[in-house]
């Protein structure tokens, strides 16, 4: 799948495009814009603005701690409309946190997938195409934060420190964020195909 190309006198390892197919195990959304946690629904309607009424919806968003290169509150393109999680990775995180389960709803997930190995490492520019016609363009992995950790901790009142433990153990397991490229409706049980683009490591020196 990988090949060596000589570009400008330097060998570059290229990985050809390919696809991986998984399954939608559940879809979730908030009921109020101020809510972080989500609730399971039968179908998830998405538009070019993301999920109508969701706190992460909109064509644009305000920059925050994830964008230290902009003054906080700068209006910018919203590439984080949708949160996509992996059932297999949630089980890994739960094991690392020594808790019996970790539900998508607790950490604000919108789509739960299974069957796509190492989902959180799927690269930017990937097209996630759903059986019903929706396409989500992946921006990148979702960095775990204390807010999500607090959502988990609320379900285990006898445990201390889960809010801080989550960001430590969930790095590169916390799923993906992306934006809607083709709108429509996503339902549990659909197939979801990740169209992985051609890849390379940019190392100019």
Protein backbone atom coordinates (compact mmCIF):
# COMPACT_ATOMS: atom_id res chain seq x y z
CA UNK A 1 0.00 0.00 0.00
CA UNK A 2 2.96 2.31 0.64
CA UNK A 3 5.44 3.36 -2.04
CA UNK A 4 8.63 5.39 -2.17
CA UNK A 5 8.70 8.42 -4.44
CA UNK A 6 11.72 10.57 -5.20
CA UNK A 7 10.56 14.18 -5.04
CA UNK A 8 13.09 17.00 -5.45
CA UNK A 9 15.90 14.64 -4.52
CA UNK A 10 14.20 13.35 -1.34
CA UNK A 11 12.49 10.00 -0.80
CA UNK A 12 8.90 10.37 0.42
CA UNK A 13 6.81 7.45 1.63
CA UNK A 14 3.32 7.66 0.16
CA UNK A 15 0.33 5.59 1.29
CA UNK A 16 -2.29 5.10 -1.38
CA UNK A 17 -5.92 5.91 -0.74
CA UNK A 18 -8.15 3.12 0.57
CA UNK A 19 -11.43 2.64 2.41
CA UNK A 20 -12.64 0.98 5.61
CA UNK A 21 -16.26 0.18 6.41
CA UNK A 22 -17.93 0.12 9.81
CA UNK A 23 -21.39 0.37 11.33
CA UNK A 24 -23.41 3.09 13.06
CA UNK A 25 -24.23 1.75 16.54
CA UNK A 26 -26.06 4.86 17.76
CA UNK A 27 -26.81 8.53 17.09
CA UNK A 28 -27.15 11.27 19.72
CA UNK A 29 -27.90 14.95 20.07
CA UNK A 30 -28.44 17.62 22.69
CA UNK A 31 -31.91 18.92 23.41
CA UNK A 32 -30.75 22.42 24.37
CA UNK A 33 -27.86 24.51 22.94
CA UNK A 34 -26.35 24.95 26.41
CA UNK A 35 -26.11 21.19 27.05
CA UNK A 36 -22.82 19.35 26.60
CA UNK A 37 -24.05 15.81 27.15
CA UNK A 38 -26.21 14.22 24.49
CA UNK A 39 -29.17 11.83 24.40
CA UNK A 40 -29.83 8.85 22.14
CA UNK A 41 -32.24 9.46 19.25
CA UNK A 42 -33.73 7.29 16.50
CA UNK A 43 -32.37 9.45 13.68
CA UNK A 44 -29.92 12.32 13.45
CA UNK A 45 -30.75 15.10 11.00
CA UNK A 46 -27.73 17.09 9.85
CA UNK A 47 -27.52 20.20 7.70
CA UNK A 48 -24.64 22.28 6.38
CA UNK A 49 -24.63 23.93 9.82
CA UNK A 50 -24.29 20.62 11.64
CA UNK A 51 -27.06 19.46 13.98
CA UNK A 52 -29.91 21.99 14.26
CA UNK A 53 -30.09 23.38 17.79
CA UNK A 54 -26.84 21.77 18.92
CA UNK A 55 -24.28 23.79 20.89
CA UNK A 56 -21.63 22.87 18.30
CA UNK A 57 -23.80 23.75 15.29
CA UNK A 58 -23.28 26.68 12.95
CA UNK A 59 -21.19 27.64 9.94
CA UNK A 60 -18.79 29.46 12.28
CA UNK A 61 -17.74 29.20 15.93
CA UNK A 62 -15.72 31.18 18.47
CA UNK A 63 -12.08 30.21 19.04
CA UNK A 64 -11.12 28.89 22.46
CA UNK A 65 -8.29 27.13 24.25
CA UNK A 66 -7.75 24.77 21.31
CA UNK A 67 -6.72 27.72 19.11
CA UNK A 68 -4.09 29.65 21.10
CA UNK A 69 -2.87 31.30 17.89
CA UNK A 70 -6.08 33.42 17.79
CA UNK A 71 -7.42 35.77 20.47
CA UNK A 72 -10.07 33.88 22.43
CA UNK A 73 -13.51 34.51 20.97
CA UNK A 74 -12.35 35.09 17.38
CA UNK A 75 -15.03 34.05 14.89
CA UNK A 76 -13.72 31.25 12.69
CA UNK A 77 -14.87 28.44 10.41
CA UNK A 78 -16.64 25.67 12.33
CA UNK A 79 -14.83 22.45 11.52
CA UNK A 80 -16.07 20.81 14.76
CA UNK A 81 -19.79 20.42 14.03
CA UNK A 82 -19.96 16.67 14.74
CA UNK A 83 -18.36 14.38 17.37
CA UNK A 84 -17.75 10.81 16.17
CA UNK A 85 -16.80 8.06 18.62
CA UNK A 86 -15.63 4.44 18.41
CA UNK A 87 -17.30 1.73 20.47
CA UNK A 88 -14.02 -0.18 20.65
CA UNK A 89 -12.10 2.90 21.83
CA UNK A 90 -14.69 3.73 24.49
CA UNK A 91 -14.13 0.25 25.91
CA UNK A 92 -10.37 0.90 25.96
CA UNK A 93 -10.83 4.20 27.79
CA UNK A 94 -13.20 2.60 30.32
CA UNK A 95 -10.62 -0.08 31.05
CA UNK A 96 -7.89 2.51 31.54
CA UNK A 97 -10.15 4.47 33.90
CA UNK A 98 -11.21 1.29 35.73
CA UNK A 99 -14.92 2.00 35.24
CA UNK A 100 -17.50 -0.55 34.02
CA UNK A 101 -18.64 1.45 31.00
CA UNK A 102 -18.28 4.73 29.16
CA UNK A 103 -21.34 5.91 27.26
CA UNK A 104 -21.20 8.20 24.23
CA UNK A 105 -23.78 10.50 25.80
CA UNK A 106 -21.56 11.33 28.77
CA UNK A 107 -18.88 12.93 26.60
CA UNK A 108 -21.11 14.67 24.07
CA UNK A 109 -20.87 12.14 21.25
CA UNK A 110 -23.13 12.47 18.19
CA UNK A 111 -22.29 9.28 16.28
CA UNK A 112 -21.05 5.97 17.68
CA UNK A 113 -19.29 3.69 15.19
CA UNK A 114 -17.90 0.18 15.40
CA UNK A 115 -15.71 -1.80 13.03
CA UNK A 116 -13.28 0.92 11.91
CA UNK A 117 -9.93 0.11 13.56
CA UNK A 118 -8.16 2.96 15.39
CA UNK A 119 -10.89 5.40 14.45
CA UNK A 120 -9.27 8.29 16.29
CA UNK A 121 -6.20 8.01 14.06
CA UNK A 122 -8.17 8.38 10.82
CA UNK A 123 -6.44 11.30 9.06
CA UNK A 124 -7.84 14.71 8.15
CA UNK A 125 -9.52 15.00 4.73
CA UNK A 126 -11.11 11.57 5.14
CA UNK A 127 -14.66 11.39 3.79
CA UNK A 128 -16.97 9.47 6.12
CA UNK A 129 -19.82 8.34 3.88
CA UNK A 130 -23.02 6.93 5.39
CA UNK A 131 -25.38 4.46 3.76
CA UNK A 132 -28.22 7.00 3.76
CA UNK A 133 -26.16 9.51 1.76
CA UNK A 134 -24.73 11.81 4.44
CA UNK A 135 -21.03 12.64 4.11
CA UNK A 136 -18.91 14.08 6.91
CA UNK A 137 -15.48 15.51 6.17
CA UNK A 138 -13.06 14.70 8.97
CA UNK A 139 -11.03 17.57 10.40
CA UNK A 140 -9.00 15.50 12.86
CA UNK A 141 -8.94 13.79 16.23
CA UNK A 142 -10.77 15.24 19.22
CA UNK A 143 -8.47 16.12 22.12
CA UNK A 144 -9.95 14.93 25.45
CA UNK A 145 -10.73 17.64 27.99
CA UNK A 146 -11.80 18.02 31.61
CA UNK A 147 -15.34 19.04 30.63
CA UNK A 148 -15.92 15.59 29.16
CA UNK A 149 -14.18 14.07 32.18
CA UNK A 150 -16.65 15.86 34.43
CA UNK A 151 -19.50 14.31 32.45
CA UNK A 152 -18.06 10.87 33.18
CA UNK A 153 -17.39 11.62 36.84
CA UNK A 154 -21.03 12.55 37.38
CA UNK A 155 -21.99 8.93 36.77
CA UNK A 156 -19.56 7.57 39.37
CA UNK A 157 -20.04 9.69 42.50
CA UNK A 158 -17.95 7.29 44.58
CA UNK A 159 -14.81 7.89 42.50
CA UNK A 160 -12.62 10.95 42.79
CA UNK A 161 -10.38 12.37 40.08
CA UNK A 162 -12.13 10.90 37.05
CA UNK A 163 -12.48 14.37 35.53
CA UNK A 164 -8.69 14.74 35.42
CA UNK A 165 -7.98 11.10 34.61
CA UNK A 166 -9.98 11.16 31.38
CA UNK A 167 -7.73 13.68 29.54
CA UNK A 168 -4.67 11.68 30.59
CA UNK A 169 -5.78 8.25 29.35
CA UNK A 170 -8.06 9.13 26.40
CA UNK A 171 -5.53 10.85 24.16
CA UNK A 172 -5.93 9.57 20.56
CA UNK A 173 -8.89 7.44 21.66
CA UNK A 174 -11.48 10.20 22.03
CA UNK A 175 -12.77 10.02 18.46
CA UNK A 176 -12.97 12.51 15.63
CA UNK A 177 -14.55 15.85 14.80
CA UNK A 178 -15.75 16.93 11.39
CA UNK A 179 -18.19 19.02 9.40
CA UNK A 180 -21.11 18.19 7.15
CA UNK A 181 -20.21 17.95 3.47
CA UNK A 182 -23.52 16.42 2.32
CA UNK A 183 -26.55 16.78 4.63
CA UNK A 184 -29.32 14.30 5.33
CA UNK A 185 -30.35 11.81 8.01
CA UNK A 186 -28.14 9.25 9.79
CA UNK A 187 -29.70 6.23 11.50
CA UNK A 188 -28.36 3.45 13.71
CA UNK A 189 -27.64 0.28 11.76
CA UNK A 190 -26.32 2.06 8.67
CA UNK A 191 -22.94 1.24 7.23
CA UNK A 192 -20.32 4.00 7.36
CA UNK A 193 -17.37 3.97 4.97
CA UNK A 194 -14.22 5.94 5.68
CA UNK A 195 -12.56 6.95 2.41
CA UNK A 196 -8.96 7.48 3.51
CA UNK A 197 -7.05 9.89 1.24
CA UNK A 198 -3.52 9.43 -0.07
CA UNK A 199 -1.12 10.18 2.78
CA UNK A 200 2.46 11.19 3.38
CA UNK A 201 4.56 12.68 6.17
CA UNK A 202 5.64 16.24 5.42
CA UNK A 203 9.33 16.52 6.39
CA UNK A 204 10.96 19.26 4.31
CA UNK A 205 14.33 19.05 6.11
